[in-house]
N, C-alpha and C. Protein backbone atom coordinates (compact mmCIF):
# COMPACT_ATOMS: atom_id res chain seq x y z
N MET A 1 5.43 6.96 -63.24
CA MET A 1 6.17 7.95 -62.48
C MET A 1 5.85 7.77 -60.99
N VAL A 2 6.87 7.98 -60.17
CA VAL A 2 6.74 7.84 -58.72
C VAL A 2 7.03 9.18 -58.07
N ARG A 3 6.14 9.61 -57.20
CA ARG A 3 6.39 10.82 -56.41
C ARG A 3 7.15 10.41 -55.17
N PHE A 4 8.28 11.07 -54.95
CA PHE A 4 9.17 10.74 -53.84
C PHE A 4 9.11 11.89 -52.86
N ASN A 5 8.96 11.61 -51.57
CA ASN A 5 8.71 12.64 -50.56
C ASN A 5 9.94 13.33 -50.00
N ILE A 6 11.12 12.97 -50.46
CA ILE A 6 12.34 13.57 -49.92
C ILE A 6 13.02 14.36 -51.03
N PRO A 7 13.24 15.68 -50.85
CA PRO A 7 13.80 16.50 -51.91
C PRO A 7 15.30 16.28 -52.12
N GLY A 8 15.77 16.69 -53.27
CA GLY A 8 17.20 16.70 -53.55
C GLY A 8 17.63 15.61 -54.52
N LYS A 9 18.56 15.99 -55.40
CA LYS A 9 19.09 15.02 -56.37
C LYS A 9 19.78 13.87 -55.67
N PHE A 10 20.45 14.15 -54.55
CA PHE A 10 21.13 13.07 -53.83
C PHE A 10 20.12 12.06 -53.29
N SER A 11 18.91 12.51 -52.96
CA SER A 11 17.86 11.58 -52.50
C SER A 11 17.39 10.69 -53.64
N VAL A 12 17.33 11.25 -54.84
CA VAL A 12 16.97 10.46 -56.02
C VAL A 12 18.03 9.40 -56.26
N SER A 13 19.30 9.76 -56.13
CA SER A 13 20.39 8.79 -56.29
C SER A 13 20.26 7.67 -55.27
N ASN A 14 19.96 8.03 -54.03
CA ASN A 14 19.78 7.02 -52.98
C ASN A 14 18.59 6.11 -53.30
N ALA A 15 17.51 6.71 -53.81
CA ALA A 15 16.32 5.92 -54.15
C ALA A 15 16.62 4.95 -55.29
N LEU A 16 17.36 5.41 -56.29
CA LEU A 16 17.70 4.53 -57.41
C LEU A 16 18.57 3.36 -56.95
N ALA A 17 19.51 3.64 -56.06
CA ALA A 17 20.34 2.57 -55.51
C ALA A 17 19.47 1.57 -54.74
N THR A 18 18.53 2.09 -53.98
CA THR A 18 17.62 1.23 -53.21
C THR A 18 16.78 0.35 -54.14
N ILE A 19 16.27 0.94 -55.22
CA ILE A 19 15.49 0.18 -56.19
C ILE A 19 16.33 -0.96 -56.75
N GLY A 20 17.56 -0.65 -57.14
CA GLY A 20 18.44 -1.67 -57.71
C GLY A 20 18.72 -2.81 -56.75
N ILE A 21 19.04 -2.47 -55.51
CA ILE A 21 19.35 -3.50 -54.50
C ILE A 21 18.12 -4.37 -54.23
N CYS A 22 16.97 -3.73 -54.07
CA CYS A 22 15.73 -4.48 -53.78
C CYS A 22 15.36 -5.39 -54.96
N TYR A 23 15.55 -4.88 -56.17
CA TYR A 23 15.23 -5.68 -57.36
C TYR A 23 16.15 -6.89 -57.44
N LEU A 24 17.45 -6.67 -57.19
CA LEU A 24 18.41 -7.78 -57.21
C LEU A 24 18.11 -8.79 -56.10
N ALA A 25 17.51 -8.31 -55.01
CA ALA A 25 17.16 -9.20 -53.89
C ALA A 25 15.88 -9.98 -54.18
N GLY A 26 15.23 -9.69 -55.31
CA GLY A 26 14.07 -10.48 -55.70
C GLY A 26 12.71 -9.83 -55.49
N LEU A 27 12.67 -8.59 -55.02
CA LEU A 27 11.38 -7.91 -54.86
C LEU A 27 10.87 -7.44 -56.21
N ASP A 28 9.56 -7.48 -56.39
CA ASP A 28 9.00 -7.00 -57.65
C ASP A 28 8.93 -5.47 -57.63
N LEU A 29 8.92 -4.89 -58.81
CA LEU A 29 8.99 -3.43 -58.95
C LEU A 29 7.82 -2.72 -58.28
N ASP A 30 6.62 -3.26 -58.36
CA ASP A 30 5.46 -2.61 -57.73
C ASP A 30 5.64 -2.50 -56.21
N THR A 31 6.16 -3.56 -55.60
CA THR A 31 6.39 -3.55 -54.15
C THR A 31 7.45 -2.52 -53.79
N ILE A 32 8.51 -2.46 -54.59
CA ILE A 32 9.60 -1.51 -54.34
C ILE A 32 9.07 -0.08 -54.44
N LEU A 33 8.34 0.21 -55.51
CA LEU A 33 7.83 1.58 -55.71
C LEU A 33 6.82 1.96 -54.65
N HIS A 34 5.98 1.02 -54.23
CA HIS A 34 5.04 1.29 -53.14
C HIS A 34 5.81 1.66 -51.87
N GLY A 35 6.88 0.93 -51.59
CA GLY A 35 7.70 1.23 -50.42
C GLY A 35 8.31 2.62 -50.49
N LEU A 36 8.82 2.99 -51.66
CA LEU A 36 9.42 4.33 -51.82
C LEU A 36 8.38 5.43 -51.62
N LYS A 37 7.18 5.22 -52.15
CA LYS A 37 6.12 6.24 -52.01
C LYS A 37 5.71 6.44 -50.57
N SER A 38 5.87 5.41 -49.76
CA SER A 38 5.41 5.49 -48.37
C SER A 38 6.44 6.10 -47.42
N ILE A 39 7.63 6.37 -47.90
CA ILE A 39 8.67 6.94 -47.04
C ILE A 39 8.27 8.34 -46.60
N LYS A 40 8.26 8.57 -45.32
CA LYS A 40 7.89 9.88 -44.76
C LYS A 40 9.12 10.71 -44.39
N GLY A 41 10.26 10.08 -44.34
CA GLY A 41 11.47 10.79 -43.96
C GLY A 41 12.05 10.20 -42.68
N VAL A 42 13.23 10.68 -42.35
CA VAL A 42 13.96 10.22 -41.17
C VAL A 42 14.17 11.42 -40.26
N PRO A 43 13.90 11.27 -38.96
CA PRO A 43 14.11 12.41 -38.05
C PRO A 43 15.54 12.97 -38.17
N GLY A 44 15.61 14.29 -38.32
CA GLY A 44 16.90 14.95 -38.41
C GLY A 44 17.56 14.91 -39.76
N ARG A 45 16.87 14.39 -40.76
CA ARG A 45 17.38 14.36 -42.13
C ARG A 45 16.36 15.08 -43.02
N ILE A 46 16.72 16.26 -43.43
CA ILE A 46 15.80 17.11 -44.20
C ILE A 46 14.44 17.14 -43.51
N GLU A 47 14.46 17.30 -42.20
CA GLU A 47 13.22 17.30 -41.42
C GLU A 47 12.60 18.69 -41.40
N LYS A 48 11.42 18.80 -41.98
CA LYS A 48 10.71 20.07 -42.02
C LYS A 48 10.06 20.34 -40.68
N VAL A 49 10.21 21.57 -40.19
CA VAL A 49 9.60 21.97 -38.92
C VAL A 49 8.34 22.76 -39.26
N PRO A 50 7.17 22.26 -38.84
CA PRO A 50 5.91 22.90 -39.23
C PRO A 50 5.75 24.31 -38.66
N ASN A 51 5.16 25.18 -39.48
CA ASN A 51 4.85 26.54 -39.04
C ASN A 51 3.80 27.11 -39.98
N ASN A 52 3.21 28.22 -39.57
CA ASN A 52 2.17 28.88 -40.37
C ASN A 52 2.67 30.16 -41.01
N ASN A 53 3.98 30.29 -41.16
CA ASN A 53 4.56 31.54 -41.66
C ASN A 53 5.01 31.47 -43.10
N GLY A 54 4.80 30.34 -43.78
CA GLY A 54 5.25 30.21 -45.17
C GLY A 54 6.75 30.06 -45.29
N ILE A 55 7.39 29.68 -44.19
CA ILE A 55 8.85 29.51 -44.16
C ILE A 55 9.15 28.03 -44.12
N LEU A 56 10.07 27.60 -44.95
CA LEU A 56 10.53 26.22 -44.88
C LEU A 56 11.72 26.18 -43.94
N ALA A 57 11.51 25.67 -42.75
CA ALA A 57 12.58 25.50 -41.76
C ALA A 57 12.94 24.02 -41.72
N VAL A 58 14.21 23.73 -41.96
CA VAL A 58 14.66 22.35 -42.10
C VAL A 58 15.80 22.08 -41.12
N VAL A 59 15.67 20.99 -40.38
CA VAL A 59 16.74 20.53 -39.49
C VAL A 59 17.41 19.35 -40.18
N ASP A 60 18.73 19.39 -40.28
CA ASP A 60 19.44 18.31 -40.96
C ASP A 60 20.77 18.01 -40.26
N TYR A 61 21.16 16.76 -40.29
CA TYR A 61 22.37 16.29 -39.63
C TYR A 61 23.65 16.66 -40.39
N ALA A 62 23.54 17.35 -41.50
CA ALA A 62 24.71 17.67 -42.32
C ALA A 62 25.86 18.19 -41.46
N HIS A 63 26.93 17.41 -41.38
CA HIS A 63 28.07 17.81 -40.55
C HIS A 63 29.40 17.54 -41.26
N SER A 64 29.32 17.35 -42.56
CA SER A 64 30.53 17.18 -43.38
C SER A 64 30.39 18.09 -44.59
N PRO A 65 31.49 18.38 -45.28
CA PRO A 65 31.38 19.25 -46.46
C PRO A 65 30.37 18.73 -47.49
N ASP A 66 30.43 17.46 -47.83
CA ASP A 66 29.51 16.91 -48.84
C ASP A 66 28.06 17.01 -48.40
N SER A 67 27.79 16.64 -47.15
CA SER A 67 26.40 16.66 -46.70
C SER A 67 25.86 18.08 -46.60
N LEU A 68 26.70 19.04 -46.21
CA LEU A 68 26.25 20.44 -46.16
C LEU A 68 25.95 20.95 -47.56
N GLU A 69 26.83 20.64 -48.50
CA GLU A 69 26.60 21.04 -49.89
C GLU A 69 25.31 20.42 -50.43
N ASN A 70 25.09 19.15 -50.16
CA ASN A 70 23.89 18.46 -50.66
C ASN A 70 22.61 19.07 -50.11
N ILE A 71 22.56 19.35 -48.82
CA ILE A 71 21.32 19.89 -48.24
C ILE A 71 21.04 21.31 -48.77
N ILE A 72 22.08 22.12 -48.89
CA ILE A 72 21.85 23.49 -49.38
C ILE A 72 21.39 23.45 -50.84
N LYS A 73 22.04 22.62 -51.66
CA LYS A 73 21.63 22.51 -53.06
C LYS A 73 20.20 21.97 -53.18
N ALA A 74 19.86 21.00 -52.35
CA ALA A 74 18.50 20.44 -52.39
C ALA A 74 17.47 21.51 -52.04
N MET A 75 17.77 22.34 -51.07
CA MET A 75 16.83 23.40 -50.67
C MET A 75 16.78 24.51 -51.72
N ARG A 76 17.90 24.75 -52.39
CA ARG A 76 17.93 25.76 -53.45
C ARG A 76 16.99 25.34 -54.59
N GLU A 77 16.91 24.04 -54.86
CA GLU A 77 16.03 23.54 -55.93
C GLU A 77 14.57 23.87 -55.67
N ILE A 78 14.16 23.96 -54.41
CA ILE A 78 12.75 24.16 -54.10
C ILE A 78 12.44 25.53 -53.49
N SER A 79 13.47 26.32 -53.22
CA SER A 79 13.27 27.61 -52.57
C SER A 79 12.67 28.63 -53.53
N LYS A 80 11.75 29.42 -53.00
CA LYS A 80 11.19 30.54 -53.75
C LYS A 80 11.83 31.85 -53.30
N GLY A 81 12.67 31.77 -52.28
CA GLY A 81 13.28 32.98 -51.73
C GLY A 81 14.73 32.74 -51.35
N LYS A 82 15.11 33.32 -50.22
CA LYS A 82 16.49 33.24 -49.75
C LYS A 82 16.75 31.91 -49.04
N ILE A 83 18.03 31.55 -49.03
CA ILE A 83 18.49 30.40 -48.24
C ILE A 83 19.35 30.96 -47.12
N ILE A 84 18.95 30.69 -45.89
CA ILE A 84 19.73 31.09 -44.71
C ILE A 84 20.18 29.81 -44.03
N THR A 85 21.48 29.68 -43.82
CA THR A 85 22.05 28.47 -43.24
C THR A 85 22.67 28.76 -41.89
N VAL A 86 22.31 27.95 -40.90
CA VAL A 86 22.87 28.02 -39.55
C VAL A 86 23.67 26.74 -39.35
N PHE A 87 24.95 26.87 -38.99
CA PHE A 87 25.72 25.66 -38.73
C PHE A 87 26.99 25.99 -37.95
N GLY A 88 27.58 24.95 -37.41
CA GLY A 88 28.87 25.03 -36.74
C GLY A 88 29.60 23.73 -37.02
N CYS A 89 30.76 23.57 -36.43
CA CYS A 89 31.53 22.33 -36.57
C CYS A 89 31.90 21.83 -35.18
N GLY A 90 31.97 20.52 -35.05
CA GLY A 90 32.27 19.91 -33.76
C GLY A 90 33.69 20.16 -33.29
N GLY A 91 33.83 20.32 -31.99
CA GLY A 91 35.15 20.46 -31.39
C GLY A 91 35.83 19.11 -31.25
N ASN A 92 37.15 19.14 -31.16
CA ASN A 92 37.96 17.92 -31.07
C ASN A 92 37.70 16.99 -32.24
N ARG A 93 37.45 17.56 -33.39
CA ARG A 93 37.21 16.81 -34.62
C ARG A 93 38.07 17.44 -35.72
N ASP A 94 37.91 16.97 -36.93
CA ASP A 94 38.70 17.40 -38.08
C ASP A 94 38.62 18.91 -38.29
N ARG A 95 39.72 19.60 -37.99
CA ARG A 95 39.75 21.06 -38.13
C ARG A 95 39.83 21.50 -39.58
N THR A 96 40.37 20.64 -40.45
CA THR A 96 40.58 21.05 -41.84
C THR A 96 39.26 21.27 -42.59
N LYS A 97 38.18 20.64 -42.12
CA LYS A 97 36.91 20.79 -42.84
C LYS A 97 36.21 22.10 -42.50
N ARG A 98 36.62 22.77 -41.45
CA ARG A 98 35.90 23.98 -41.00
C ARG A 98 35.89 25.08 -42.06
N PRO A 99 37.05 25.51 -42.57
CA PRO A 99 36.98 26.56 -43.61
C PRO A 99 36.34 26.05 -44.90
N ILE A 100 36.48 24.77 -45.19
CA ILE A 100 35.85 24.21 -46.38
C ILE A 100 34.33 24.33 -46.26
N MET A 101 33.81 23.97 -45.10
CA MET A 101 32.36 24.06 -44.90
C MET A 101 31.90 25.52 -44.89
N GLY A 102 32.72 26.41 -44.37
CA GLY A 102 32.40 27.83 -44.41
C GLY A 102 32.28 28.33 -45.83
N GLU A 103 33.22 27.91 -46.67
CA GLU A 103 33.19 28.34 -48.07
C GLU A 103 31.98 27.75 -48.80
N ILE A 104 31.66 26.50 -48.52
CA ILE A 104 30.48 25.88 -49.14
C ILE A 104 29.21 26.62 -48.73
N ALA A 105 29.06 26.85 -47.44
CA ALA A 105 27.86 27.56 -46.95
C ALA A 105 27.78 28.96 -47.56
N GLY A 106 28.91 29.67 -47.59
CA GLY A 106 28.93 31.02 -48.13
C GLY A 106 28.67 31.07 -49.62
N SER A 107 29.13 30.06 -50.35
CA SER A 107 28.94 30.03 -51.80
C SER A 107 27.50 29.71 -52.20
N LEU A 108 26.82 28.92 -51.37
CA LEU A 108 25.50 28.41 -51.76
C LEU A 108 24.33 29.07 -51.03
N SER A 109 24.61 29.81 -49.97
CA SER A 109 23.55 30.44 -49.17
C SER A 109 23.49 31.93 -49.44
N ASP A 110 22.37 32.53 -49.08
CA ASP A 110 22.24 33.99 -49.17
C ASP A 110 22.68 34.66 -47.88
N PHE A 111 22.63 33.92 -46.79
CA PHE A 111 23.06 34.43 -45.49
C PHE A 111 23.44 33.23 -44.64
N VAL A 112 24.48 33.39 -43.82
CA VAL A 112 24.95 32.30 -42.96
C VAL A 112 25.07 32.80 -41.53
N VAL A 113 24.66 31.98 -40.59
CA VAL A 113 24.91 32.24 -39.17
C VAL A 113 25.80 31.11 -38.68
N ILE A 114 27.03 31.46 -38.32
CA ILE A 114 27.99 30.47 -37.80
C ILE A 114 27.79 30.39 -36.29
N THR A 115 27.73 29.16 -35.78
CA THR A 115 27.44 28.98 -34.36
C THR A 115 28.18 27.78 -33.79
N SER A 116 27.84 27.41 -32.59
CA SER A 116 28.46 26.26 -31.91
C SER A 116 27.72 24.97 -32.26
N ASP A 117 28.48 23.89 -32.31
CA ASP A 117 27.90 22.55 -32.51
C ASP A 117 28.81 21.56 -31.79
N ASN A 118 28.49 21.28 -30.55
CA ASN A 118 29.31 20.38 -29.72
C ASN A 118 30.79 20.80 -29.71
N PRO A 119 31.10 21.96 -29.16
CA PRO A 119 32.50 22.41 -29.15
C PRO A 119 33.42 21.53 -28.30
N ARG A 120 32.83 20.73 -27.43
CA ARG A 120 33.60 19.85 -26.55
C ARG A 120 34.65 20.66 -25.80
N ASN A 121 35.90 20.27 -25.87
CA ASN A 121 36.94 20.94 -25.09
C ASN A 121 37.68 22.04 -25.85
N GLU A 122 37.17 22.42 -27.01
CA GLU A 122 37.76 23.53 -27.76
C GLU A 122 37.00 24.81 -27.45
N ASN A 123 37.67 25.92 -27.64
CA ASN A 123 37.02 27.23 -27.51
C ASN A 123 36.05 27.38 -28.68
N PRO A 124 34.76 27.55 -28.42
CA PRO A 124 33.79 27.67 -29.51
C PRO A 124 34.10 28.82 -30.47
N LEU A 125 34.64 29.90 -29.94
CA LEU A 125 34.95 31.05 -30.81
C LEU A 125 36.09 30.74 -31.76
N THR A 126 37.03 29.90 -31.35
CA THR A 126 38.11 29.48 -32.24
C THR A 126 37.55 28.67 -33.41
N ILE A 127 36.64 27.77 -33.11
CA ILE A 127 36.00 26.96 -34.16
C ILE A 127 35.25 27.88 -35.12
N ILE A 128 34.49 28.80 -34.59
CA ILE A 128 33.72 29.74 -35.41
C ILE A 128 34.65 30.57 -36.29
N ASP A 129 35.77 31.03 -35.73
CA ASP A 129 36.74 31.80 -36.51
C ASP A 129 37.33 30.98 -37.65
N GLU A 130 37.56 29.69 -37.42
CA GLU A 130 38.11 28.83 -38.48
C GLU A 130 37.09 28.61 -39.59
N ILE A 131 35.82 28.51 -39.25
CA ILE A 131 34.76 28.42 -40.26
C ILE A 131 34.70 29.72 -41.06
N GLU A 132 34.83 30.84 -40.35
CA GLU A 132 34.76 32.16 -40.98
C GLU A 132 35.80 32.32 -42.09
N LEU A 133 36.97 31.71 -41.93
CA LEU A 133 38.01 31.82 -42.95
C LEU A 133 37.50 31.37 -44.32
N GLY A 134 36.65 30.36 -44.35
CA GLY A 134 36.07 29.91 -45.61
C GLY A 134 35.00 30.85 -46.14
N ILE A 135 34.17 31.35 -45.26
CA ILE A 135 33.11 32.27 -45.69
C ILE A 135 33.71 33.54 -46.27
N LEU A 136 34.84 33.96 -45.73
CA LEU A 136 35.48 35.18 -46.23
C LEU A 136 35.93 35.05 -47.69
N LYS A 137 36.02 33.84 -48.21
CA LYS A 137 36.37 33.63 -49.62
C LYS A 137 35.16 33.86 -50.53
N THR A 138 34.00 34.08 -49.95
CA THR A 138 32.77 34.29 -50.71
C THR A 138 32.27 35.72 -50.48
N ASN A 139 31.21 36.07 -51.15
CA ASN A 139 30.59 37.38 -50.94
C ASN A 139 29.36 37.30 -50.06
N CYS A 140 29.21 36.20 -49.34
CA CYS A 140 28.01 35.97 -48.54
C CYS A 140 28.03 36.79 -47.25
N ALA A 141 26.90 37.38 -46.94
CA ALA A 141 26.74 38.06 -45.65
C ALA A 141 26.61 37.00 -44.57
N TYR A 142 27.13 37.29 -43.38
CA TYR A 142 27.08 36.30 -42.30
C TYR A 142 27.18 36.98 -40.95
N LEU A 143 26.83 36.21 -39.93
CA LEU A 143 27.00 36.62 -38.54
C LEU A 143 27.64 35.47 -37.78
N LYS A 144 28.34 35.80 -36.71
CA LYS A 144 28.89 34.81 -35.79
C LYS A 144 28.12 34.94 -34.48
N VAL A 145 27.40 33.88 -34.10
CA VAL A 145 26.59 33.89 -32.88
C VAL A 145 26.92 32.60 -32.12
N GLU A 146 27.72 32.71 -31.08
CA GLU A 146 28.20 31.52 -30.37
C GLU A 146 27.06 30.68 -29.79
N ASP A 147 26.09 31.31 -29.17
CA ASP A 147 24.97 30.59 -28.55
C ASP A 147 24.06 30.04 -29.64
N ARG A 148 23.94 28.72 -29.71
CA ARG A 148 23.20 28.09 -30.82
C ARG A 148 21.72 28.49 -30.84
N LYS A 149 21.08 28.58 -29.69
CA LYS A 149 19.68 28.99 -29.67
C LYS A 149 19.53 30.41 -30.21
N LYS A 150 20.39 31.32 -29.77
CA LYS A 150 20.34 32.70 -30.29
C LYS A 150 20.62 32.72 -31.78
N ALA A 151 21.52 31.86 -32.24
CA ALA A 151 21.85 31.80 -33.66
C ALA A 151 20.63 31.39 -34.48
N ILE A 152 19.92 30.38 -34.00
CA ILE A 152 18.71 29.92 -34.70
C ILE A 152 17.65 31.01 -34.70
N PHE A 153 17.43 31.64 -33.55
CA PHE A 153 16.46 32.74 -33.48
C PHE A 153 16.87 33.89 -34.41
N THR A 154 18.16 34.20 -34.46
CA THR A 154 18.66 35.26 -35.34
C THR A 154 18.34 34.95 -36.79
N ALA A 155 18.59 33.72 -37.21
CA ALA A 155 18.30 33.32 -38.58
C ALA A 155 16.80 33.43 -38.88
N LEU A 156 15.99 32.94 -37.95
CA LEU A 156 14.54 32.98 -38.16
C LEU A 156 13.99 34.40 -38.16
N ASP A 157 14.66 35.32 -37.46
CA ASP A 157 14.28 36.73 -37.50
C ASP A 157 14.50 37.35 -38.88
N LYS A 158 15.38 36.75 -39.68
CA LYS A 158 15.77 37.33 -40.97
C LYS A 158 14.96 36.80 -42.15
N VAL A 159 14.06 35.85 -41.92
CA VAL A 159 13.36 35.23 -43.05
C VAL A 159 11.99 35.83 -43.31
N SER A 160 11.55 35.61 -44.53
CA SER A 160 10.21 36.02 -44.97
C SER A 160 9.55 34.81 -45.61
N SER A 161 8.27 34.93 -45.88
CA SER A 161 7.54 33.87 -46.55
C SER A 161 8.25 33.49 -47.85
N GLY A 162 8.41 32.20 -48.09
CA GLY A 162 9.10 31.71 -49.28
C GLY A 162 10.57 31.41 -49.07
N ASP A 163 11.12 31.87 -47.94
CA ASP A 163 12.53 31.61 -47.65
C ASP A 163 12.71 30.24 -47.02
N VAL A 164 13.95 29.78 -47.03
CA VAL A 164 14.32 28.51 -46.40
C VAL A 164 15.39 28.77 -45.36
N VAL A 165 15.20 28.20 -44.18
CA VAL A 165 16.23 28.22 -43.14
C VAL A 165 16.69 26.79 -42.93
N ILE A 166 17.98 26.57 -43.09
CA ILE A 166 18.58 25.26 -42.86
C ILE A 166 19.34 25.33 -41.55
N ILE A 167 18.99 24.47 -40.61
CA ILE A 167 19.74 24.37 -39.35
C ILE A 167 20.49 23.05 -39.44
N ALA A 168 21.79 23.14 -39.67
CA ALA A 168 22.58 21.95 -40.00
C ALA A 168 23.53 21.56 -38.88
N GLY A 169 23.83 20.27 -38.85
CA GLY A 169 24.87 19.76 -37.97
C GLY A 169 24.41 18.81 -36.89
N LYS A 170 23.26 19.08 -36.30
CA LYS A 170 22.79 18.24 -35.19
C LYS A 170 21.73 17.23 -35.64
N GLY A 171 20.81 17.65 -36.48
CA GLY A 171 19.78 16.74 -36.94
C GLY A 171 18.99 16.14 -35.80
N HIS A 172 19.09 14.83 -35.66
CA HIS A 172 18.33 14.08 -34.65
C HIS A 172 18.92 14.20 -33.25
N GLU A 173 20.12 14.72 -33.12
CA GLU A 173 20.76 14.81 -31.79
C GLU A 173 19.96 15.74 -30.88
N THR A 174 19.91 15.39 -29.62
CA THR A 174 19.16 16.20 -28.65
C THR A 174 20.07 16.66 -27.52
N TYR A 175 21.29 16.99 -27.85
CA TYR A 175 22.25 17.42 -26.83
C TYR A 175 23.28 18.36 -27.44
N GLN A 176 23.96 19.06 -26.56
CA GLN A 176 25.09 19.92 -26.91
C GLN A 176 26.19 19.59 -25.91
N ILE A 177 27.40 19.33 -26.42
CA ILE A 177 28.53 19.00 -25.55
C ILE A 177 29.41 20.23 -25.40
N LEU A 178 29.47 20.73 -24.17
CA LEU A 178 30.26 21.92 -23.83
C LEU A 178 31.28 21.50 -22.77
N GLY A 179 32.54 21.42 -23.17
CA GLY A 179 33.56 20.93 -22.25
C GLY A 179 33.27 19.49 -21.91
N ASP A 180 33.19 19.19 -20.63
CA ASP A 180 32.88 17.83 -20.18
C ASP A 180 31.41 17.67 -19.81
N THR A 181 30.59 18.66 -20.16
CA THR A 181 29.18 18.66 -19.79
C THR A 181 28.31 18.46 -21.03
N THR A 182 27.32 17.60 -20.90
CA THR A 182 26.35 17.40 -21.96
C THR A 182 25.01 17.95 -21.48
N ILE A 183 24.45 18.88 -22.26
CA ILE A 183 23.16 19.48 -21.91
C ILE A 183 22.12 19.13 -22.97
N HIS A 184 20.86 19.19 -22.59
CA HIS A 184 19.78 18.95 -23.56
C HIS A 184 19.75 20.12 -24.55
N PHE A 185 19.72 19.78 -25.83
CA PHE A 185 19.57 20.80 -26.87
C PHE A 185 19.02 20.12 -28.11
N ASP A 186 17.93 20.62 -28.63
CA ASP A 186 17.26 20.02 -29.77
C ASP A 186 16.91 21.14 -30.76
N ASP A 187 17.55 21.13 -31.93
CA ASP A 187 17.31 22.18 -32.92
C ASP A 187 15.83 22.31 -33.27
N LYS A 188 15.15 21.18 -33.45
CA LYS A 188 13.73 21.22 -33.81
C LYS A 188 12.91 21.89 -32.72
N GLU A 189 13.19 21.55 -31.46
CA GLU A 189 12.47 22.18 -30.34
C GLU A 189 12.69 23.69 -30.33
N VAL A 190 13.91 24.12 -30.63
CA VAL A 190 14.21 25.55 -30.64
C VAL A 190 13.42 26.25 -31.73
N VAL A 191 13.36 25.65 -32.92
CA VAL A 191 12.60 26.24 -34.02
C VAL A 191 11.12 26.31 -33.66
N LEU A 192 10.58 25.25 -33.10
CA LEU A 192 9.17 25.25 -32.68
C LEU A 192 8.91 26.31 -31.60
N GLU A 193 9.85 26.45 -30.67
CA GLU A 193 9.71 27.49 -29.64
C GLU A 193 9.64 28.86 -30.28
N TYR A 194 10.49 29.10 -31.28
CA TYR A 194 10.47 30.39 -31.98
C TYR A 194 9.11 30.63 -32.63
N PHE A 195 8.61 29.65 -33.37
CA PHE A 195 7.35 29.83 -34.09
C PHE A 195 6.14 29.91 -33.17
N ASN A 196 6.25 29.36 -31.98
CA ASN A 196 5.11 29.33 -31.05
C ASN A 196 5.12 30.47 -30.04
N ARG A 197 6.01 31.44 -30.17
CA ARG A 197 6.06 32.54 -29.21
C ARG A 197 4.91 33.49 -29.44
């Protein structure tokens, strides 16, 4: 048996594919399994933000319906409490996925905070309203908080020990695009700022 450091059934599928490819490439099984055991994770992909509050805060790049569903389901598998999801959708991108992602988040989370995620040249509130259309198809409680930092703080204010907060959409990105301006913004830094106050 191999202990794998990345949660979620989709991670197991990825690991099995990796094992198969490496084996076909001629690597022996012991070498492959040693490599899998040593994986620590990828920045911005199911990245746990350390804290002393018993809260699992995770930053993830999930920015498509499938990836959002996968991260929430993976966290549900290990959660002892509520799942709170913070996310938005990019501006000047596929508008049809917005209500779909809202419905996914609302169906799988206990609470959702809809926020901005690189609105670019679109009105952030319009994007948030389009996401809301999907959440309204569920019974999930939610808030709309345009300012991403405030949205993350709002979500973290609502958690208790054993809960999971998923901050989705940006992952490893360290910027926010507002109109034609790019500003520094890092979800992980915001979570650490919250925990270190």
